[in-house]
Amino acid sequence: MQSRRLLGLRTHGTCQRYKSSVLTKSDLKEKTDDHPTASETIPEKRGLPFIGNLIELIMSNGAAQLHKYIDNRHKQLGPIFQEKLGSENCIFVSSANLMRSVFLYEGQYPKHPIPEAWNLYNEKHDCQRGLFFMNGSEWLNNRRLMNKLLLNGNCNWMNDNIEKYTRKCTTQWSEDIDKSGKGFVEINDLERQLYRWSINVLCSIMFGESFDRIDSNPRLEAKLSEFTDNVHKIFTSTTRLMSFPPKLAEALNLKRWTDFEENVDLVLQLGNGIVDEFLKESPCDDGLVLKMKEVDMSLDMIKRIFVDLIIAAGDTTAFSSQWLIYLLSKNEDIQTKVREEIHSSNNWMENPYIKGLIRETLRLYPVAPFIGRYLASDAVIGNYKIDKNSLVLLSLYTSGRDENHFPDAEKVLPERWIRNENGELTLVHKAHGTLPFALGGRSCIGRKIALNQMQALVAMMTSNFNVKYCAPYDVDITLRLVAVPDKPILLRLEKI
């Protein structure tokens, strides 16, 4: 549908304590104060027949600036409103209490919106995909298995892999500085470098020591590089189909469709081939593959989940890390404080200040500015009745910058997430005003990996370098399915 193409929605996001959350109606007994009087009519910005407010959206730079378009609409109509974008009616919510209540109605098999181009590709090629594309009992059964491996209990087994490949990344920067003879190095391809780092970490977690042993194999290295480059292109090629009907592009055999189709073909082929190559060259005796086999997961399912985990987590972690480094580079005081925390802490993976900095990054720059759910039953959210199967979207960009949720919302204050002696967050009014990994059964399966990666990156970068932003411009959000910098982030790393 047109609205799905424009929204480019993904379900990637953090519950406030960075753990899986199961909500019950008793959690939300308190009546929200956002709507003091009952009403059955959600505020609405009416548009033209058939196309809704599509023209207005396009004039505001369309899909690339949807987060700001919706933010302005919330300022006009309040914390909940409905608007028809293209052919689908969407209900947008930005109040912390209302957002949290949406997950009470997601049902046993939560359904989220998926870009139409991806659905069309899967249908055309009869392609079975990973968790993100699954629904019903197939999704639930495999999600439960993956919860045990990636979310529940002790997941510290992943940290050695994370630290190893994060250190390889920072060591390369140190060597580049030494080779320059200048005491510093300028990085103008941060996006590419972080993308490869993110995928290396995921492959190391997936294949364990097998990946370490054959990571230097030139043939496999070339395949992995090709895979990385093409995964990165998927989001660009998908974005070109967000403002043009994919079915029409496919019917007319337009280049924007053929580019997308060829790109996905190659990524799926390379991803499956990489799994086969690693298992052939060095059978996994540790890592996530072994754990998946131990819970009786088939090789076909392992491949499906692995490829889509790489596609989703590789991209979102790389861009979240870009925003994290951007904030670091613009705040020398925060860098100094992080170094002090690292030196005084025996375990930087559990340091509250570093965790607070990551929360601030995800609050201000949510990699998925909208999280969507189709309601599994008729619902009452706030004082509004919402019909079953309605699409409700959480406006995370708006909620994360709302002064009612976070005083001095535009400021980067990692300390706002550190509790005082009474266990209170004094600079946070509504902690669940930021939910970058969502809540409920379909919350982000890779959030522990992503958070630990970002913690490792902050610790190692600030321990080794002064990080300075050296571009003559500020950077803002543009949407390319996910929230990405609208201009390159240029850095100067100086050895400490």
Protein backbone atom coordinates (compact mmCIF):
# COMPACT_ATOMS: atom_id res chain seq x y z
CA MET A 1 0.00 0.00 0.00
CA GLN A 2 1.10 3.57 -0.63
CA SER A 3 1.41 4.45 3.04
CA ARG A 4 3.66 1.45 3.68
CA ARG A 5 5.92 2.46 0.80
CA LEU A 6 6.14 5.97 2.23
CA LEU A 7 6.66 4.90 5.81
CA GLY A 8 9.34 2.29 5.16
CA LEU A 9 8.57 0.86 8.55
CA ARG A 10 10.68 -1.52 10.56
CA THR A 11 10.32 -2.97 14.01
CA HIS A 12 13.59 -2.19 15.58
CA GLY A 13 13.75 -0.68 18.87
CA THR A 14 14.86 -0.48 23.29
CA CYS A 15 12.64 -1.18 26.14
CA GLN A 16 13.56 1.17 28.93
CA ARG A 17 15.51 -1.39 30.91
CA TYR A 18 16.97 -3.08 27.84
CA LYS A 19 15.23 -6.36 28.48
CA SER A 20 12.33 -8.23 26.97
CA SER A 21 9.01 -6.95 28.28
CA VAL A 22 5.70 -8.76 28.51
CA LEU A 23 2.85 -6.35 29.25
CA THR A 24 -0.41 -7.08 30.99
CA LYS A 25 -3.44 -4.86 31.37
CA SER A 26 -2.64 -4.47 35.07
CA ASP A 27 0.51 -2.63 33.99
CA LEU A 28 -1.68 0.11 32.56
CA LYS A 29 -4.49 0.48 35.09
CA GLU A 30 -3.66 4.14 35.60
CA LYS A 31 -5.77 6.31 33.33
CA THR A 32 -3.74 8.41 30.96
CA ASP A 33 -4.07 12.15 31.46
CA ASP A 34 -3.56 12.91 27.78
CA HIS A 35 -7.32 12.98 27.10
CA PRO A 36 -9.37 14.03 30.14
CA THR A 37 -12.74 13.59 28.46
CA ALA A 38 -13.95 10.50 26.63
CA SER A 39 -14.23 10.67 22.87
CA GLU A 40 -14.74 8.17 20.09
CA THR A 41 -13.41 10.39 17.32
CA ILE A 42 -9.64 10.51 16.93
CA PRO A 43 -8.41 13.91 15.70
CA GLU A 44 -7.87 13.76 11.95
CA LYS A 45 -6.33 15.79 9.16
CA ARG A 46 -8.64 15.11 6.25
CA GLY A 47 -7.24 14.99 2.75
CA LEU A 48 -8.44 14.48 -0.77
CA PRO A 49 -10.43 11.40 -1.87
CA PHE A 50 -8.31 8.37 -2.75
CA ILE A 51 -4.92 10.03 -2.16
CA GLY A 52 -5.47 11.55 1.30
CA ASN A 53 -2.71 14.06 2.14
CA LEU A 54 -0.22 12.54 -0.26
CA ILE A 55 0.38 15.82 -2.13
CA GLU A 56 1.13 17.68 1.10
CA LEU A 57 3.50 14.91 2.15
CA ILE A 58 5.35 14.97 -1.17
CA MET A 59 5.69 18.77 -0.98
CA SER A 60 7.31 18.39 2.46
CA ASN A 61 10.03 16.17 0.90
CA GLY A 62 7.98 13.00 1.13
CA ALA A 63 9.34 9.84 2.68
CA ALA A 64 12.78 11.32 3.43
CA GLN A 65 11.32 13.76 5.98
CA LEU A 66 8.28 11.80 7.15
CA HIS A 67 9.43 12.03 10.79
CA LYS A 68 9.25 15.84 10.68
CA TYR A 69 5.99 15.85 8.74
CA ILE A 70 4.38 13.67 11.42
CA ASP A 71 6.05 15.66 14.21
CA ASN A 72 4.42 18.84 12.89
CA ARG A 73 1.08 17.06 12.67
CA HIS A 74 1.35 16.04 16.34
CA LYS A 75 1.97 19.69 17.21
CA GLN A 76 -1.22 20.59 15.36
CA LEU A 77 -3.51 17.75 16.48
CA GLY A 78 -2.02 16.36 19.71
CA PRO A 79 -0.49 13.06 20.85
CA ILE A 80 -2.87 10.88 18.82
CA PHE A 81 -4.30 11.53 15.38
CA GLN A 82 -5.24 9.67 12.24
CA GLU A 83 -4.34 10.48 8.69
CA LYS A 84 -4.76 8.76 5.38
CA LEU A 85 -1.46 8.40 3.57
CA GLY A 86 -2.12 6.98 0.15
CA SER A 87 -4.68 4.21 0.44
CA GLU A 88 -4.29 3.32 4.12
CA ASN A 89 -5.54 5.06 7.24
CA CYS A 90 -2.79 5.33 9.87
CA ILE A 91 -3.15 6.19 13.55
CA PHE A 92 -0.09 7.96 14.96
CA VAL A 93 0.65 8.00 18.69
CA SER A 94 3.37 10.00 20.50
CA SER A 95 2.30 9.94 24.16
CA ALA A 96 4.45 7.60 26.29
CA ASN A 97 1.44 6.07 28.06
CA LEU A 98 -0.50 5.57 24.84
CA MET A 99 2.49 4.08 23.03
CA ARG A 100 3.02 1.55 25.78
CA SER A 101 -0.64 0.56 25.77
CA VAL A 102 -0.56 -0.30 22.04
CA PHE A 103 1.41 -3.47 22.82
CA LEU A 104 -1.47 -4.80 24.93
CA TYR A 105 -3.40 -5.29 21.70
CA GLU A 106 -0.73 -6.86 19.50
CA GLY A 107 -2.06 -10.36 20.17
CA GLN A 108 -0.30 -13.72 20.27
CA TYR A 109 1.05 -13.27 16.76
CA PRO A 110 2.02 -9.58 16.45
CA LYS A 111 1.86 -8.21 12.91
CA HIS A 112 3.87 -5.25 11.71
CA PRO A 113 3.96 -3.39 8.37
CA ILE A 114 6.55 -4.53 5.86
CA PRO A 115 7.70 -2.51 2.82
CA GLU A 116 5.54 -3.53 -0.13
CA ALA A 117 8.54 -4.14 -2.40
CA TRP A 118 9.83 -6.82 -0.02
CA ASN A 119 6.46 -8.56 0.15
CA LEU A 120 6.12 -8.44 -3.62
CA TYR A 121 9.57 -9.98 -4.09
CA ASN A 122 8.82 -12.80 -1.62
CA GLU A 123 5.50 -13.59 -3.29
CA LYS A 124 6.90 -13.45 -6.83
CA HIS A 125 9.80 -15.78 -6.01
CA ASP A 126 7.94 -17.93 -3.46
CA CYS A 127 10.73 -16.97 -1.08
CA GLN A 128 10.69 -18.03 2.58
CA ARG A 129 12.42 -15.49 4.80
CA GLY A 130 13.52 -15.00 8.40
CA LEU A 131 11.81 -13.80 11.57
CA PHE A 132 11.02 -10.29 10.32
CA PHE A 133 8.81 -11.72 7.53
CA MET A 134 7.23 -14.60 9.45
CA ASN A 135 3.74 -14.56 10.94
CA GLY A 136 1.51 -16.87 12.93
CA SER A 137 2.72 -20.09 14.54
CA GLU A 138 5.84 -20.28 12.35
CA TRP A 139 6.97 -16.92 13.73
CA LEU A 140 6.05 -17.78 17.33
CA ASN A 141 7.84 -21.14 17.38
CA ASN A 142 11.06 -19.78 15.92
CA ARG A 143 10.90 -16.59 17.95
CA ARG A 144 10.69 -18.61 21.17
CA LEU A 145 13.78 -20.56 20.17
CA MET A 146 15.72 -17.41 19.32
CA ASN A 147 14.61 -15.71 22.55
CA LYS A 148 16.37 -18.47 24.49
CA LEU A 149 19.56 -17.95 22.50
CA LEU A 150 19.76 -14.17 22.16
CA LEU A 151 17.64 -12.57 24.87
CA ASN A 152 16.93 -14.76 27.87
CA GLY A 153 19.46 -15.72 30.50
CA ASN A 154 23.20 -15.18 30.27
CA CYS A 155 24.26 -13.95 26.83
CA ASN A 156 27.79 -12.97 27.84
CA TRP A 157 29.16 -15.63 25.48
CA MET A 158 28.71 -13.06 22.69
CA ASN A 159 30.93 -10.42 24.28
CA ASP A 160 34.27 -11.98 23.35
CA ASN A 161 33.25 -11.87 19.69
CA ILE A 162 32.03 -8.28 20.02
CA GLU A 163 35.19 -7.11 21.77
CA LYS A 164 37.50 -8.94 19.35
CA TYR A 165 36.12 -7.34 16.18
CA THR A 166 35.60 -3.93 17.77
CA ARG A 167 39.25 -3.99 18.84
CA LYS A 168 40.26 -4.98 15.28
CA CYS A 169 38.43 -1.90 14.04
CA THR A 170 40.05 0.52 16.50
CA THR A 171 43.47 -1.12 16.05
CA GLN A 172 43.25 -0.47 12.31
CA TRP A 173 42.56 3.21 13.03
CA SER A 174 45.61 3.32 15.34
CA GLU A 175 47.78 1.77 12.63
CA ASP A 176 46.46 4.29 10.10
CA ILE A 177 47.45 7.11 12.46
CA ASP A 178 50.95 5.66 12.87
CA LYS A 179 51.36 5.33 9.09
CA SER A 180 50.26 8.93 8.54
CA GLY A 181 53.03 10.30 10.75
CA LYS A 182 50.67 13.14 11.72
CA GLY A 183 49.31 11.85 15.00
CA PHE A 184 45.81 11.76 13.59
CA VAL A 185 43.70 10.30 10.81
CA GLU A 186 40.62 11.69 9.08
CA ILE A 187 37.76 9.30 8.39
CA ASN A 188 35.45 10.19 5.52
CA ASP A 189 33.88 6.77 4.97
CA LEU A 190 32.57 6.09 8.48
CA GLU A 191 29.35 4.55 7.18
CA ARG A 192 31.17 1.90 5.14
CA GLN A 193 33.63 1.07 7.93
CA LEU A 194 30.95 0.70 10.58
CA TYR A 195 28.85 -1.40 8.26
CA ARG A 196 31.65 -3.88 7.76
CA TRP A 197 32.45 -3.86 11.49
CA SER A 198 28.82 -4.63 12.31
CA ILE A 199 28.64 -7.55 9.88
CA ASN A 200 31.99 -8.95 11.08
CA VAL A 201 30.67 -8.96 14.64
CA LEU A 202 27.48 -10.75 13.59
CA CYS A 203 29.40 -13.37 11.58
CA SER A 204 31.75 -13.94 14.50
CA ILE A 205 28.79 -14.46 16.84
CA MET A 206 27.16 -16.73 14.27
CA PHE A 207 30.15 -18.93 13.42
CA GLY A 208 32.37 -18.52 16.50
CA GLU A 209 35.99 -19.60 16.12
CA SER A 210 35.24 -20.91 12.64
CA PHE A 211 34.89 -17.32 11.46
CA ASP A 212 38.12 -16.33 13.19
CA ARG A 213 40.03 -19.18 11.54
CA ILE A 214 38.98 -18.43 7.98
CA ASP A 215 38.33 -14.69 8.18
CA SER A 216 41.69 -14.14 6.43
CA ASN A 217 40.90 -16.56 3.58
CA PRO A 218 41.07 -14.26 0.48
CA ARG A 219 38.28 -16.07 -1.38
CA LEU A 220 35.87 -16.00 1.54
CA GLU A 221 36.92 -12.45 2.37
CA ALA A 222 35.95 -11.40 -1.16
CA LYS A 223 32.57 -13.11 -0.84
CA LEU A 224 31.92 -11.47 2.52
CA SER A 225 32.86 -8.05 1.13
CA GLU A 226 30.50 -8.55 -1.82
CA PHE A 227 27.76 -9.66 0.57
CA THR A 228 28.33 -6.60 2.78
CA ASP A 229 28.22 -4.17 -0.14
CA ASN A 230 25.00 -5.64 -1.51
CA VAL A 231 23.24 -5.80 1.85
CA HIS A 232 24.01 -2.11 2.17
CA LYS A 233 22.46 -1.46 -1.27
CA ILE A 234 19.16 -3.14 -0.33
CA PHE A 235 18.05 -0.14 1.68
CA THR A 236 18.93 2.29 -1.10
CA SER A 237 17.13 0.24 -3.73
CA THR A 238 14.10 -0.24 -1.46
CA THR A 239 13.91 3.50 -0.80
CA ARG A 240 13.55 4.15 -4.54
CA LEU A 241 10.35 2.07 -4.42
CA MET A 242 8.87 3.86 -1.42
CA SER A 243 7.29 6.68 -3.45
CA PHE A 244 6.45 4.62 -6.55
CA PRO A 245 4.08 1.61 -6.63
CA PRO A 246 6.30 -1.52 -6.65
CA LYS A 247 3.69 -3.55 -8.53
CA LEU A 248 3.58 -0.96 -11.29
CA ALA A 249 7.39 -0.74 -11.37
CA GLU A 250 7.55 -4.54 -11.64
CA ALA A 251 4.84 -4.69 -14.33
CA LEU A 252 6.65 -2.04 -16.41
CA ASN A 253 10.03 -3.67 -15.74
CA LEU A 254 11.42 -0.32 -14.57
CA LYS A 255 15.06 -0.07 -13.59
CA ARG A 256 14.20 0.79 -10.00
CA TRP A 257 12.43 -2.58 -9.71
CA THR A 258 15.01 -4.65 -11.60
CA ASP A 259 17.82 -3.10 -9.52
CA PHE A 260 15.98 -4.02 -6.32
CA GLU A 261 15.14 -7.52 -7.51
CA GLU A 262 18.69 -8.27 -8.66
CA ASN A 263 20.08 -6.86 -5.42
CA VAL A 264 17.87 -9.10 -3.25
CA ASP A 265 18.59 -12.11 -5.48
CA LEU A 266 22.31 -11.63 -4.96
CA VAL A 267 22.11 -11.00 -1.21
CA LEU A 268 20.07 -14.14 -0.60
CA GLN A 269 22.35 -16.19 -2.85
CA LEU A 270 25.53 -14.87 -1.20
CA GLY A 271 24.11 -15.21 2.32
CA ASN A 272 23.16 -18.84 1.85
CA GLY A 273 26.47 -19.51 0.13
CA ILE A 274 28.45 -17.99 2.99
CA VAL A 275 26.76 -20.29 5.50
CA ASP A 276 27.57 -23.30 3.31
CA GLU A 277 31.17 -22.15 2.83
CA PHE A 278 31.82 -21.68 6.52
CA LEU A 279 30.32 -25.03 7.43
CA LYS A 280 32.28 -26.73 4.66
CA GLU A 281 35.63 -25.09 5.43
CA SER A 282 35.43 -25.36 9.19
CA PRO A 283 32.41 -27.03 10.84
CA CYS A 284 31.11 -24.85 13.67
CA ASP A 285 31.93 -26.16 17.11
CA ASP A 286 30.73 -23.04 18.88
CA GLY A 287 28.81 -19.86 18.12
CA LEU A 288 25.14 -19.27 17.36
CA VAL A 289 24.98 -21.87 14.57
CA LEU A 290 25.85 -24.61 17.05
CA LYS A 291 23.29 -23.34 19.54
CA MET A 292 20.61 -23.24 16.83
CA LYS A 293 21.42 -26.81 15.85
CA GLU A 294 21.19 -27.89 19.49
CA VAL A 295 17.57 -26.70 19.62
CA ASP A 296 16.83 -28.80 16.52
CA MET A 297 16.63 -25.94 14.05
CA SER A 298 17.03 -27.06 10.43
CA LEU A 299 19.88 -25.80 8.27
CA ASP A 300 17.36 -24.13 5.95
CA MET A 301 15.83 -22.22 8.88
CA ILE A 302 19.29 -21.28 10.18
CA LYS A 303 20.10 -19.75 6.79
CA ARG A 304 16.80 -17.87 6.62
CA ILE A 305 17.24 -16.38 10.07
CA PHE A 306 20.94 -15.61 9.58
CA VAL A 307 20.51 -13.73 6.29
CA ASP A 308 17.64 -11.58 7.56
CA LEU A 309 19.42 -10.95 10.88
CA ILE A 310 22.39 -9.63 8.90
CA ILE A 311 20.15 -7.48 6.71
CA ALA A 312 18.31 -5.97 9.66
CA ALA A 313 20.89 -5.83 12.44
CA GLY A 314 23.89 -4.97 10.29
CA ASP A 315 22.24 -1.86 8.95
CA THR A 316 20.51 -0.62 12.08
CA THR A 317 23.51 -1.14 14.37
CA ALA A 318 25.87 0.58 11.93
CA PHE A 319 23.65 3.66 11.67
CA SER A 320 22.90 3.81 15.40
CA SER A 321 26.66 3.69 15.98
CA GLN A 322 27.15 6.53 13.52
CA TRP A 323 24.77 8.70 15.50
CA LEU A 324 26.51 7.66 18.72
CA ILE A 325 29.93 8.69 17.38
CA TYR A 326 28.44 11.93 16.02
CA LEU A 327 27.23 12.89 19.49
CA LEU A 328 30.58 11.90 21.01
CA SER A 329 32.48 13.97 18.46
CA LYS A 330 30.38 17.06 19.20
CA ASN A 331 30.68 16.79 23.01
CA GLU A 332 34.21 16.82 24.42
CA ASP A 333 32.90 16.94 28.00
CA ILE A 334 31.02 13.68 27.43
CA GLN A 335 34.17 12.06 26.01
CA THR A 336 36.10 13.11 29.11
CA LYS A 337 33.40 11.75 31.39
CA VAL A 338 33.30 8.44 29.51
CA ARG A 339 37.08 8.07 29.92
CA GLU A 340 36.79 8.75 33.64
CA GLU A 341 34.06 6.15 33.92
CA ILE A 342 36.11 3.57 32.03
CA HIS A 343 39.17 4.13 34.21
CA SER A 344 37.16 3.83 37.43
CA SER A 345 35.11 0.81 36.35
CA ASN A 346 36.18 -2.80 36.18
CA ASN A 347 33.41 -3.62 33.72
CA TRP A 348 32.64 -1.00 31.10
CA MET A 349 29.91 -3.26 29.68
CA GLU A 350 27.85 -2.47 32.77
CA ASN A 351 28.76 1.20 33.15
CA PRO A 352 25.62 3.34 33.77
CA TYR A 353 27.05 6.47 32.12
CA ILE A 354 27.94 4.67 28.87
CA LYS A 355 24.51 3.02 28.86
CA GLY A 356 22.97 6.44 29.44
CA LEU A 357 24.83 7.89 26.44
CA ILE A 358 23.51 5.09 24.24
CA ARG A 359 19.98 5.68 25.50
CA GLU A 360 20.31 9.38 24.67
CA THR A 361 21.52 8.50 21.18
CA LEU A 362 18.57 6.19 20.56
CA ARG A 363 16.16 8.71 22.08
CA LEU A 364 17.27 11.59 19.83
CA TYR A 365 18.10 9.50 16.75
CA PRO A 366 15.83 6.43 16.76
CA VAL A 367 17.00 4.32 13.85
CA ALA A 368 13.35 3.40 13.23
CA PRO A 369 11.40 6.66 13.81
CA PHE A 370 8.14 4.69 13.55
CA ILE A 371 7.20 1.30 14.98
CA GLY A 372 3.96 -0.18 13.71
CA ARG A 373 1.47 -2.78 14.89
CA TYR A 374 -1.78 -4.03 13.38
CA LEU A 375 -4.15 -4.41 16.32
CA ALA A 376 -5.24 -8.00 16.88
CA SER A 377 -8.54 -6.96 18.50
CA ASP A 378 -10.76 -3.94 19.05
CA ALA A 379 -8.91 -1.63 21.43
CA VAL A 380 -9.32 1.29 23.76
CA ILE A 381 -6.20 3.43 23.69
CA GLY A 382 -6.48 6.50 25.87
CA ASN A 383 -10.15 7.35 25.53
CA TYR A 384 -10.44 6.32 21.91
CA LYS A 385 -11.97 3.20 20.45
CA ILE A 386 -9.83 1.72 17.68
CA ASP A 387 -11.01 -1.09 15.43
CA LYS A 388 -9.35 -4.46 15.03
CA ASN A 389 -6.71 -4.62 12.25
CA SER A 390 -6.08 -0.86 12.43
CA LEU A 391 -2.47 0.19 11.82
CA VAL A 392 -1.14 2.11 14.82
CA LEU A 393 2.26 3.77 14.52
CA LEU A 394 4.43 4.94 17.40
CA SER A 395 6.03 8.29 16.58
CA LEU A 396 9.37 7.73 18.31
CA TYR A 397 11.06 10.82 16.86
CA THR A 398 8.34 13.00 18.38
CA SER A 399 8.03 11.16 21.70
CA GLY A 400 11.78 11.12 22.27
CA ARG A 401 11.99 14.91 21.94
CA ASP A 402 8.88 15.67 23.97
CA GLU A 403 9.52 17.94 26.98
CA ASN A 404 6.65 16.21 28.80
CA HIS A 405 8.72 13.04 28.70
CA PHE A 406 12.27 14.42 28.94
CA PRO A 407 13.12 17.86 30.39
CA ASP A 408 15.67 19.70 28.20
CA ALA A 409 14.80 17.14 25.56
CA GLU A 410 17.16 18.52 22.90
CA LYS A 411 20.19 18.21 25.21
CA VAL A 412 22.41 15.12 25.34
CA LEU A 413 22.40 14.20 29.03
CA PRO A 414 23.63 10.64 29.69
CA GLU A 415 23.23 11.27 33.42
CA ARG A 416 19.45 11.53 33.03
CA TRP A 417 19.43 7.69 32.96
CA ILE A 418 21.39 7.25 36.20
CA ARG A 419 19.14 6.71 39.22
CA ASN A 420 19.69 8.68 42.43
CA GLU A 421 19.93 7.18 45.92
CA ASN A 422 16.14 6.80 45.97
CA GLY A 423 16.13 4.88 42.70
CA GLU A 424 14.59 7.79 40.78
CA LEU A 425 15.34 9.22 37.36
CA THR A 426 15.21 12.94 38.11
CA LEU A 427 15.63 14.11 34.49
CA VAL A 428 13.09 11.69 33.03
CA HIS A 429 9.33 12.08 33.39
CA LYS A 430 8.31 9.13 31.21
CA ALA A 431 11.07 6.58 30.56
CA HIS A 432 8.94 4.71 28.02
CA GLY A 433 8.79 7.85 25.88
CA THR A 434 11.73 6.18 24.11
CA LEU A 435 11.18 2.62 22.89
CA PRO A 436 13.72 2.14 20.10
CA PHE A 437 13.62 -1.65 20.40
CA ALA A 438 9.86 -1.80 21.01
CA LEU A 439 8.09 -3.89 23.64
CA GLY A 440 6.16 -7.11 23.69
CA GLY A 441 6.54 -10.34 21.79
CA ARG A 442 7.96 -8.80 18.62
CA SER A 443 10.54 -6.54 20.23
CA CYS A 444 13.95 -6.47 18.55
CA ILE A 445 15.58 -9.91 18.71
CA GLY A 446 19.06 -8.45 18.23
CA ARG A 447 18.96 -5.70 20.85
CA LYS A 448 21.47 -7.30 23.24
CA ILE A 449 23.97 -7.71 20.42
CA ALA A 450 23.42 -4.11 19.25
CA LEU A 451 23.70 -2.59 22.71
CA ASN A 452 26.85 -4.52 23.60
CA GLN A 453 28.41 -3.57 20.27
CA MET A 454 27.74 0.10 20.88
CA GLN A 455 29.09 -0.10 24.44
CA ALA A 456 32.28 -1.75 23.20
CA LEU A 457 32.70 0.86 20.45
CA VAL A 458 32.29 3.82 22.84
CA ALA A 459 34.71 2.35 25.38
CA MET A 460 37.45 1.50 22.88
CA MET A 461 37.16 4.69 20.84
CA THR A 462 37.30 7.04 23.83
CA SER A 463 40.08 5.02 25.48
CA ASN A 464 42.31 5.34 22.41
CA PHE A 465 41.30 8.53 20.63
CA ASN A 466 40.13 12.08 20.91
CA VAL A 467 37.16 12.05 18.54
CA LYS A 468 36.61 15.34 16.73
CA TYR A 469 33.91 16.28 14.26
CA CYS A 470 35.57 18.07 11.34
CA ALA A 471 32.84 18.76 8.78
CA PRO A 472 31.80 22.39 8.11
CA TYR A 473 28.12 21.50 8.57
CA ASP A 474 25.73 19.94 11.07
CA VAL A 475 24.07 16.62 10.30
CA ASP A 476 20.35 15.92 10.40
CA ILE A 477 18.13 12.87 9.93
CA THR A 478 16.89 11.72 6.57
CA LEU A 479 14.95 8.49 6.12
CA ARG A 480 16.31 5.72 3.93
CA LEU A 481 14.01 3.08 5.37
CA VAL A 482 15.88 3.83 8.60
CA ALA A 483 17.12 7.13 10.04
CA VAL A 484 20.47 7.96 8.44
CA PRO A 485 22.66 11.09 8.37
CA ASP A 486 21.70 13.45 5.56
CA LYS A 487 25.39 14.26 4.99
CA PRO A 488 28.59 12.29 5.65
CA ILE A 489 29.90 12.36 9.22
CA LEU A 490 33.55 13.40 8.92
CA LEU A 491 35.82 12.57 11.84
CA ARG A 492 39.33 13.27 12.99
CA LEU A 493 40.80 10.70 15.35
CA GLU A 494 43.78 11.75 17.43
CA LYS A 495 45.73 9.21 19.45
CA ILE A 496 45.64 9.74 23.20
